Amino acid sequence: LARWDRFIGADRWRHDLDGWTLLGVNAQLFGSG
């Protein structure tokens, strides 16, 4: 995860567009503990 943070940035985000909220999440975290 730290490698992603360093080179790419956030692994989740929110982006609002014209009445829509886009929520991007890290799928690999679900069930990871």
ModelCIF file with pLDDT and N, C-alpha, C, O atoms, coordinates in Angstrom:
data_MODEL
#
_entry.id   MODEL 
#
_entity.id                         1 
_entity.type                       polymer 
_entity.pdbx_number_of_molecules   1 
#
_entity_poly.entity_id                      1 
_entity_poly.type                           'polypeptide(L)' 
_entity_poly.nstd_linkage                   no 
_entity_poly.nstd_monomer                   no 
_entity_poly.pdbx_seq_one_letter_code       LARWDRFIGADRWRHDLDGWTLLGVNAQLFGSG 
_entity_poly.pdbx_seq_one_letter_code_can   LARWDRFIGADRWRHDLDGWTLLGVNAQLFGSG 
_entity_poly.pdbx_strand_id                 A 
#
loop_
_entity_poly_seq.entity_id 
_entity_poly_seq.num 
_entity_poly_seq.mon_id 
_entity_poly_seq.hetero 
1 1  LEU n 
1 2  ALA n 
1 3  ARG n 
1 4  TRP n 
1 5  ASP n 
1 6  ARG n 
1 7  PHE n 
1 8  ILE n 
1 9  GLY n 
1 10 ALA n 
1 11 ASP n 
1 12 ARG n 
1 13 TRP n 
1 14 ARG n 
1 15 HIS n 
1 16 ASP n 
1 17 LEU n 
1 18 ASP n 
1 19 GLY n 
1 20 TRP n 
1 21 THR n 
1 22 LEU n 
1 23 LEU n 
1 24 GLY n 
1 25 VAL n 
1 26 ASN n 
1 27 ALA n 
1 28 GLN n 
1 29 LEU n 
1 30 PHE n 
1 31 GLY n 
1 32 SER n 
1 33 GLY n 
#
_struct_asym.id          A 
_struct_asym.entity_id   1 
#
loop_
_ma_qa_metric.id 
_ma_qa_metric.mode 
_ma_qa_metric.name 
_ma_qa_metric.software_group_id 
_ma_qa_metric.type 
1 global pLDDT . pLDDT 
2 local  pLDDT . pLDDT 
#
_ma_qa_metric_global.metric_id      1 
_ma_qa_metric_global.metric_value   97.48 
_ma_qa_metric_global.model_id       1 
_ma_qa_metric_global.ordinal_id     1 
#
loop_
_ma_qa_metric_local.label_asym_id 
_ma_qa_metric_local.label_comp_id 
_ma_qa_metric_local.label_seq_id 
_ma_qa_metric_local.metric_id 
_ma_qa_metric_local.metric_value 
_ma_qa_metric_local.model_id 
_ma_qa_metric_local.ordinal_id 
A LEU 1  2 98.00 1 1  
A ALA 2  2 98.00 1 2  
A ARG 3  2 98.00 1 3  
A TRP 4  2 98.00 1 4  
A ASP 5  2 98.00 1 5  
A ARG 6  2 98.00 1 6  
A PHE 7  2 98.00 1 7  
A ILE 8  2 98.00 1 8  
A GLY 9  2 98.00 1 9  
A ALA 10 2 98.00 1 10 
A ASP 11 2 98.00 1 11 
A ARG 12 2 98.00 1 12 
A TRP 13 2 98.00 1 13 
A ARG 14 2 98.00 1 14 
A HIS 15 2 98.00 1 15 
A ASP 16 2 97.00 1 16 
A LEU 17 2 96.00 1 17 
A ASP 18 2 91.00 1 18 
A GLY 19 2 96.00 1 19 
A TRP 20 2 98.00 1 20 
A THR 21 2 98.00 1 21 
A LEU 22 2 98.00 1 22 
A LEU 23 2 98.00 1 23 
A GLY 24 2 98.00 1 24 
A VAL 25 2 98.00 1 25 
A ASN 26 2 98.00 1 26 
A ALA 27 2 98.00 1 27 
A GLN 28 2 98.00 1 28 
A LEU 29 2 98.00 1 29 
A PHE 30 2 97.00 1 30 
A GLY 31 2 96.00 1 31 
A SER 32 2 97.00 1 32 
A GLY 33 2 97.00 1 33 
#
loop_
_atom_site.group_PDB 
_atom_site.id 
_atom_site.type_symbol 
_atom_site.label_atom_id 
_atom_site.label_alt_id 
_atom_site.label_comp_id 
_atom_site.label_asym_id 
_atom_site.label_entity_id 
_atom_site.label_seq_id 
_atom_site.pdbx_PDB_ins_code 
_atom_site.Cartn_x 
_atom_site.Cartn_y 
_atom_site.Cartn_z 
_atom_site.occupancy 
_atom_site.B_iso_or_equiv 
_atom_site.pdbx_formal_charge 
_atom_site.auth_seq_id 
_atom_site.auth_comp_id 
_atom_site.auth_asym_id 
_atom_site.auth_atom_id 
_atom_site.pdbx_PDB_model_num 
ATOM 1   N N  . LEU A 1 1  ? 0.829   -1.204  0.000   1.00 98.00 ? 1  LEU A N  1 
ATOM 2   C CA . LEU A 1 1  ? 0.000   0.000   0.000   1.00 98.00 ? 1  LEU A CA 1 
ATOM 3   C C  . LEU A 1 1  ? 0.866   1.258   0.000   1.00 98.00 ? 1  LEU A C  1 
ATOM 4   O O  . LEU A 1 1  ? 0.545   2.240   -0.669  1.00 98.00 ? 1  LEU A O  1 
ATOM 5   N N  . ALA A 1 2  ? 1.959   1.221   0.750   1.00 98.00 ? 2  ALA A N  1 
ATOM 6   C CA . ALA A 1 2  ? 2.851   2.385   0.816   1.00 98.00 ? 2  ALA A CA 1 
ATOM 7   C C  . ALA A 1 2  ? 3.473   2.666   -0.549  1.00 98.00 ? 2  ALA A C  1 
ATOM 8   O O  . ALA A 1 2  ? 3.703   3.825   -0.896  1.00 98.00 ? 2  ALA A O  1 
ATOM 9   N N  . ARG A 1 3  ? 3.747   1.621   -1.323  1.00 98.00 ? 3  ARG A N  1 
ATOM 10  C CA . ARG A 1 3  ? 4.303   1.836   -2.666  1.00 98.00 ? 3  ARG A CA 1 
ATOM 11  C C  . ARG A 1 3  ? 3.291   2.554   -3.551  1.00 98.00 ? 3  ARG A C  1 
ATOM 12  O O  . ARG A 1 3  ? 3.646   3.482   -4.278  1.00 98.00 ? 3  ARG A O  1 
ATOM 13  N N  . TRP A 1 4  ? 2.038   2.130   -3.492  1.00 98.00 ? 4  TRP A N  1 
ATOM 14  C CA . TRP A 1 4  ? 0.989   2.826   -4.241  1.00 98.00 ? 4  TRP A CA 1 
ATOM 15  C C  . TRP A 1 4  ? 0.892   4.286   -3.798  1.00 98.00 ? 4  TRP A C  1 
ATOM 16  O O  . TRP A 1 4  ? 0.836   5.191   -4.629  1.00 98.00 ? 4  TRP A O  1 
ATOM 17  N N  . ASP A 1 5  ? 0.873   4.506   -2.483  1.00 98.00 ? 5  ASP A N  1 
ATOM 18  C CA . ASP A 1 5  ? 0.781   5.865   -1.955  1.00 98.00 ? 5  ASP A CA 1 
ATOM 19  C C  . ASP A 1 5  ? 1.903   6.739   -2.504  1.00 98.00 ? 5  ASP A C  1 
ATOM 20  O O  . ASP A 1 5  ? 1.683   7.891   -2.878  1.00 98.00 ? 5  ASP A O  1 
ATOM 21  N N  . ARG A 1 6  ? 3.098   6.179   -2.546  1.00 98.00 ? 6  ARG A N  1 
ATOM 22  C CA . ARG A 1 6  ? 4.275   6.960   -2.938  1.00 98.00 ? 6  ARG A CA 1 
ATOM 23  C C  . ARG A 1 6  ? 4.255   7.334   -4.412  1.00 98.00 ? 6  ARG A C  1 
ATOM 24  O O  . ARG A 1 6  ? 4.598   8.462   -4.768  1.00 98.00 ? 6  ARG A O  1 
ATOM 25  N N  . PHE A 1 7  ? 3.863   6.418   -5.259  1.00 98.00 ? 7  PHE A N  1 
ATOM 26  C CA . PHE A 1 7  ? 3.972   6.667   -6.696  1.00 98.00 ? 7  PHE A CA 1 
ATOM 27  C C  . PHE A 1 7  ? 2.666   7.134   -7.334  1.00 98.00 ? 7  PHE A C  1 
ATOM 28  O O  . PHE A 1 7  ? 2.696   7.900   -8.297  1.00 98.00 ? 7  PHE A O  1 
ATOM 29  N N  . ILE A 1 8  ? 1.530   6.691   -6.820  1.00 98.00 ? 8  ILE A N  1 
ATOM 30  C CA . ILE A 1 8  ? 0.246   7.018   -7.450  1.00 98.00 ? 8  ILE A CA 1 
ATOM 31  C C  . ILE A 1 8  ? -0.529  8.037   -6.635  1.00 98.00 ? 8  ILE A C  1 
ATOM 32  O O  . ILE A 1 8  ? -1.032  9.015   -7.188  1.00 98.00 ? 8  ILE A O  1 
ATOM 33  N N  . GLY A 1 9  ? -0.634  7.821   -5.317  1.00 98.00 ? 9  GLY A N  1 
ATOM 34  C CA . GLY A 1 9  ? -1.387  8.739   -4.463  1.00 98.00 ? 9  GLY A CA 1 
ATOM 35  C C  . GLY A 1 9  ? -2.450  8.002   -3.675  1.00 98.00 ? 9  GLY A C  1 
ATOM 36  O O  . GLY A 1 9  ? -2.239  6.871   -3.238  1.00 98.00 ? 9  GLY A O  1 
ATOM 37  N N  . ALA A 1 10 ? -3.597  8.649   -3.494  1.00 98.00 ? 10 ALA A N  1 
ATOM 38  C CA . ALA A 1 10 ? -4.668  8.075   -2.671  1.00 98.00 ? 10 ALA A CA 1 
ATOM 39  C C  . ALA A 1 10 ? -5.213  6.794   -3.300  1.00 98.00 ? 10 ALA A C  1 
ATOM 40  O O  . ALA A 1 10 ? -5.280  6.670   -4.523  1.00 98.00 ? 10 ALA A O  1 
ATOM 41  N N  . ASP A 1 11 ? -5.603  5.843   -2.445  1.00 98.00 ? 11 ASP A N  1 
ATOM 42  C CA . ASP A 1 11 ? -6.213  4.614   -2.946  1.00 98.00 ? 11 ASP A CA 1 
ATOM 43  C C  . ASP A 1 11 ? -7.735  4.641   -2.816  1.00 98.00 ? 11 ASP A C  1 
ATOM 44  O O  . ASP A 1 11 ? -8.400  3.631   -3.047  1.00 98.00 ? 11 ASP A O  1 
ATOM 45  N N  . ARG A 1 12 ? -8.285  5.802   -2.443  1.00 98.00 ? 12 ARG A N  1 
ATOM 46  C CA . ARG A 1 12 ? -9.729  6.018   -2.442  1.00 98.00 ? 12 ARG A CA 1 
ATOM 47  C C  . ARG A 1 12 ? -9.965  7.502   -2.700  1.00 98.00 ? 12 ARG A C  1 
ATOM 48  O O  . ARG A 1 12 ? -9.109  8.335   -2.401  1.00 98.00 ? 12 ARG A O  1 
ATOM 49  N N  . TRP A 1 13 ? -11.120 7.825   -3.254  1.00 98.00 ? 13 TRP A N  1 
ATOM 50  C CA . TRP A 1 13 ? -11.393 9.223   -3.559  1.00 98.00 ? 13 TRP A CA 1 
ATOM 51  C C  . TRP A 1 13 ? -12.898 9.460   -3.730  1.00 98.00 ? 13 TRP A C  1 
ATOM 52  O O  . TRP A 1 13 ? -13.683 8.537   -3.943  1.00 98.00 ? 13 TRP A O  1 
ATOM 53  N N  . ARG A 1 14 ? -13.251 10.722  -3.626  1.00 98.00 ? 14 ARG A N  1 
ATOM 54  C CA . ARG A 1 14 ? -14.616 11.187  -3.893  1.00 98.00 ? 14 ARG A CA 1 
ATOM 55  C C  . ARG A 1 14 ? -14.547 12.270  -4.954  1.00 98.00 ? 14 ARG A C  1 
ATOM 56  O O  . ARG A 1 14 ? -13.690 13.153  -4.907  1.00 98.00 ? 14 ARG A O  1 
ATOM 57  N N  . HIS A 1 15 ? -15.470 12.190  -5.920  1.00 98.00 ? 15 HIS A N  1 
ATOM 58  C CA . HIS A 1 15 ? -15.496 13.187  -6.985  1.00 98.00 ? 15 HIS A CA 1 
ATOM 59  C C  . HIS A 1 15 ? -16.958 13.513  -7.278  1.00 98.00 ? 15 HIS A C  1 
ATOM 60  O O  . HIS A 1 15 ? -17.715 12.622  -7.662  1.00 98.00 ? 15 HIS A O  1 
ATOM 61  N N  . ASP A 1 16 ? -17.372 14.773  -7.107  1.00 97.00 ? 16 ASP A N  1 
ATOM 62  C CA . ASP A 1 16 ? -18.754 15.196  -7.305  1.00 97.00 ? 16 ASP A CA 1 
ATOM 63  C C  . ASP A 1 16 ? -18.935 15.813  -8.675  1.00 97.00 ? 16 ASP A C  1 
ATOM 64  O O  . ASP A 1 16 ? -18.158 16.669  -9.096  1.00 97.00 ? 16 ASP A O  1 
ATOM 65  N N  . LEU A 1 17 ? -19.992 15.357  -9.381  1.00 96.00 ? 17 LEU A N  1 
ATOM 66  C CA . LEU A 1 17 ? -20.271 15.839  -10.737 1.00 96.00 ? 17 LEU A CA 1 
ATOM 67  C C  . LEU A 1 17 ? -21.773 15.943  -10.966 1.00 96.00 ? 17 LEU A C  1 
ATOM 68  O O  . LEU A 1 17 ? -22.450 14.919  -11.060 1.00 96.00 ? 17 LEU A O  1 
ATOM 69  N N  . ASP A 1 18 ? -22.303 17.147  -11.058 1.00 91.00 ? 18 ASP A N  1 
ATOM 70  C CA . ASP A 1 18 ? -23.661 17.389  -11.541 1.00 91.00 ? 18 ASP A CA 1 
ATOM 71  C C  . ASP A 1 18 ? -24.714 16.460  -10.942 1.00 91.00 ? 18 ASP A C  1 
ATOM 72  O O  . ASP A 1 18 ? -25.410 15.749  -11.668 1.00 91.00 ? 18 ASP A O  1 
ATOM 73  N N  . GLY A 1 19 ? -24.824 16.470  -9.629  1.00 96.00 ? 19 GLY A N  1 
ATOM 74  C CA . GLY A 1 19 ? -25.843 15.662  -8.981  1.00 96.00 ? 19 GLY A CA 1 
ATOM 75  C C  . GLY A 1 19 ? -25.437 14.231  -8.705  1.00 96.00 ? 19 GLY A C  1 
ATOM 76  O O  . GLY A 1 19 ? -26.223 13.446  -8.175  1.00 96.00 ? 19 GLY A O  1 
ATOM 77  N N  . TRP A 1 20 ? -24.205 13.890  -9.064  1.00 98.00 ? 20 TRP A N  1 
ATOM 78  C CA . TRP A 1 20 ? -23.670 12.558  -8.812  1.00 98.00 ? 20 TRP A CA 1 
ATOM 79  C C  . TRP A 1 20 ? -22.454 12.668  -7.889  1.00 98.00 ? 20 TRP A C  1 
ATOM 80  O O  . TRP A 1 20 ? -21.691 13.631  -7.953  1.00 98.00 ? 20 TRP A O  1 
ATOM 81  N N  . THR A 1 21 ? -22.296 11.668  -7.040  1.00 98.00 ? 21 THR A N  1 
ATOM 82  C CA . THR A 1 21 ? -21.072 11.516  -6.255  1.00 98.00 ? 21 THR A CA 1 
ATOM 83  C C  . THR A 1 21 ? -20.412 10.213  -6.666  1.00 98.00 ? 21 THR A C  1 
ATOM 84  O O  . THR A 1 21 ? -20.987 9.136   -6.512  1.00 98.00 ? 21 THR A O  1 
ATOM 85  N N  . LEU A 1 22 ? -19.200 10.322  -7.191  1.00 98.00 ? 22 LEU A N  1 
ATOM 86  C CA . LEU A 1 22 ? -18.410 9.151   -7.546  1.00 98.00 ? 22 LEU A CA 1 
ATOM 87  C C  . LEU A 1 22 ? -17.524 8.809   -6.358  1.00 98.00 ? 22 LEU A C  1 
ATOM 88  O O  . LEU A 1 22 ? -16.761 9.653   -5.889  1.00 98.00 ? 22 LEU A O  1 
ATOM 89  N N  . LEU A 1 23 ? -17.618 7.581   -5.869  1.00 98.00 ? 23 LEU A N  1 
ATOM 90  C CA . LEU A 1 23 ? -16.816 7.129   -4.742  1.00 98.00 ? 23 LEU A CA 1 
ATOM 91  C C  . LEU A 1 23 ? -15.926 5.983   -5.215  1.00 98.00 ? 23 LEU A C  1 
ATOM 92  O O  . LEU A 1 23 ? -16.414 4.898   -5.531  1.00 98.00 ? 23 LEU A O  1 
ATOM 93  N N  . GLY A 1 24 ? -14.625 6.230   -5.260  1.00 98.00 ? 24 GLY A N  1 
ATOM 94  C CA . GLY A 1 24 ? -13.673 5.209   -5.650  1.00 98.00 ? 24 GLY A CA 1 
ATOM 95  C C  . GLY A 1 24 ? -13.038 4.591   -4.421  1.00 98.00 ? 24 GLY A C  1 
ATOM 96  O O  . GLY A 1 24 ? -12.548 5.308   -3.549  1.00 98.00 ? 24 GLY A O  1 
ATOM 97  N N  . VAL A 1 25 ? -13.039 3.253   -4.341  1.00 98.00 ? 25 VAL A N  1 
ATOM 98  C CA . VAL A 1 25 ? -12.500 2.568   -3.171  1.00 98.00 ? 25 VAL A CA 1 
ATOM 99  C C  . VAL A 1 25 ? -11.509 1.488   -3.605  1.00 98.00 ? 25 VAL A C  1 
ATOM 100 O O  . VAL A 1 25 ? -11.491 1.052   -4.756  1.00 98.00 ? 25 VAL A O  1 
ATOM 101 N N  . ASN A 1 26 ? -10.694 1.076   -2.649  1.00 98.00 ? 26 ASN A N  1 
ATOM 102 C CA . ASN A 1 26 ? -9.686  0.038   -2.860  1.00 98.00 ? 26 ASN A CA 1 
ATOM 103 C C  . ASN A 1 26 ? -10.333 -1.318  -2.622  1.00 98.00 ? 26 ASN A C  1 
ATOM 104 O O  . ASN A 1 26 ? -10.559 -1.707  -1.476  1.00 98.00 ? 26 ASN A O  1 
ATOM 105 N N  . ALA A 1 27 ? -10.633 -2.040  -3.702  1.00 98.00 ? 27 ALA A N  1 
ATOM 106 C CA . ALA A 1 27 ? -11.340 -3.322  -3.599  1.00 98.00 ? 27 ALA A CA 1 
ATOM 107 C C  . ALA A 1 27 ? -10.543 -4.361  -2.835  1.00 98.00 ? 27 ALA A C  1 
ATOM 108 O O  . ALA A 1 27 ? -11.115 -5.239  -2.190  1.00 98.00 ? 27 ALA A O  1 
ATOM 109 N N  . GLN A 1 28 ? -9.212  -4.263  -2.906  1.00 98.00 ? 28 GLN A N  1 
ATOM 110 C CA . GLN A 1 28 ? -8.373  -5.283  -2.282  1.00 98.00 ? 28 GLN A CA 1 
ATOM 111 C C  . GLN A 1 28 ? -8.389  -5.213  -0.756  1.00 98.00 ? 28 GLN A C  1 
ATOM 112 O O  . GLN A 1 28 ? -7.958  -6.158  -0.094  1.00 98.00 ? 28 GLN A O  1 
ATOM 113 N N  . LEU A 1 29 ? -8.875  -4.119  -0.191  1.00 98.00 ? 29 LEU A N  1 
ATOM 114 C CA . LEU A 1 29 ? -8.924  -3.997  1.261   1.00 98.00 ? 29 LEU A CA 1 
ATOM 115 C C  . LEU A 1 29 ? -10.067 -4.794  1.883   1.00 98.00 ? 29 LEU A C  1 
ATOM 116 O O  . LEU A 1 29 ? -9.976  -5.190  3.046   1.00 98.00 ? 29 LEU A O  1 
ATOM 117 N N  . PHE A 1 30 ? -11.144 -5.039  1.129   1.00 97.00 ? 30 PHE A N  1 
ATOM 118 C CA . PHE A 1 30 ? -12.315 -5.697  1.697   1.00 97.00 ? 30 PHE A CA 1 
ATOM 119 C C  . PHE A 1 30 ? -11.985 -7.145  2.053   1.00 97.00 ? 30 PHE A C  1 
ATOM 120 O O  . PHE A 1 30 ? -11.694 -7.960  1.177   1.00 97.00 ? 30 PHE A O  1 
ATOM 121 N N  . GLY A 1 31 ? -12.033 -7.449  3.334   1.00 96.00 ? 31 GLY A N  1 
ATOM 122 C CA . GLY A 1 31 ? -11.692 -8.779  3.803   1.00 96.00 ? 31 GLY A CA 1 
ATOM 123 C C  . GLY A 1 31 ? -10.223 -8.974  4.088   1.00 96.00 ? 31 GLY A C  1 
ATOM 124 O O  . GLY A 1 31 ? -9.794  -10.088 4.388   1.00 96.00 ? 31 GLY A O  1 
ATOM 125 N N  . SER A 1 32 ? -9.429  -7.893  3.999   1.00 97.00 ? 32 SER A N  1 
ATOM 126 C CA . SER A 1 32 ? -7.985  -8.003  4.213   1.00 97.00 ? 32 SER A CA 1 
ATOM 127 C C  . SER A 1 32 ? -7.608  -8.060  5.687   1.00 97.00 ? 32 SER A C  1 
ATOM 128 O O  . SER A 1 32 ? -6.584  -8.642  6.045   1.00 97.00 ? 32 SER A O  1 
ATOM 129 N N  . GLY A 1 33 ? -8.429  -7.458  6.544   1.00 97.00 ? 33 GLY A N  1 
ATOM 130 C CA . GLY A 1 33 ? -8.100  -7.382  7.959   1.00 97.00 ? 33 GLY A CA 1 
ATOM 131 C C  . GLY A 1 33 ? -7.087  -6.322  8.313   1.00 97.00 ? 33 GLY A C  1 
ATOM 132 O O  . GLY A 1 33 ? -6.735  -6.170  9.483   1.00 97.00 ? 33 GLY A O  1 
#
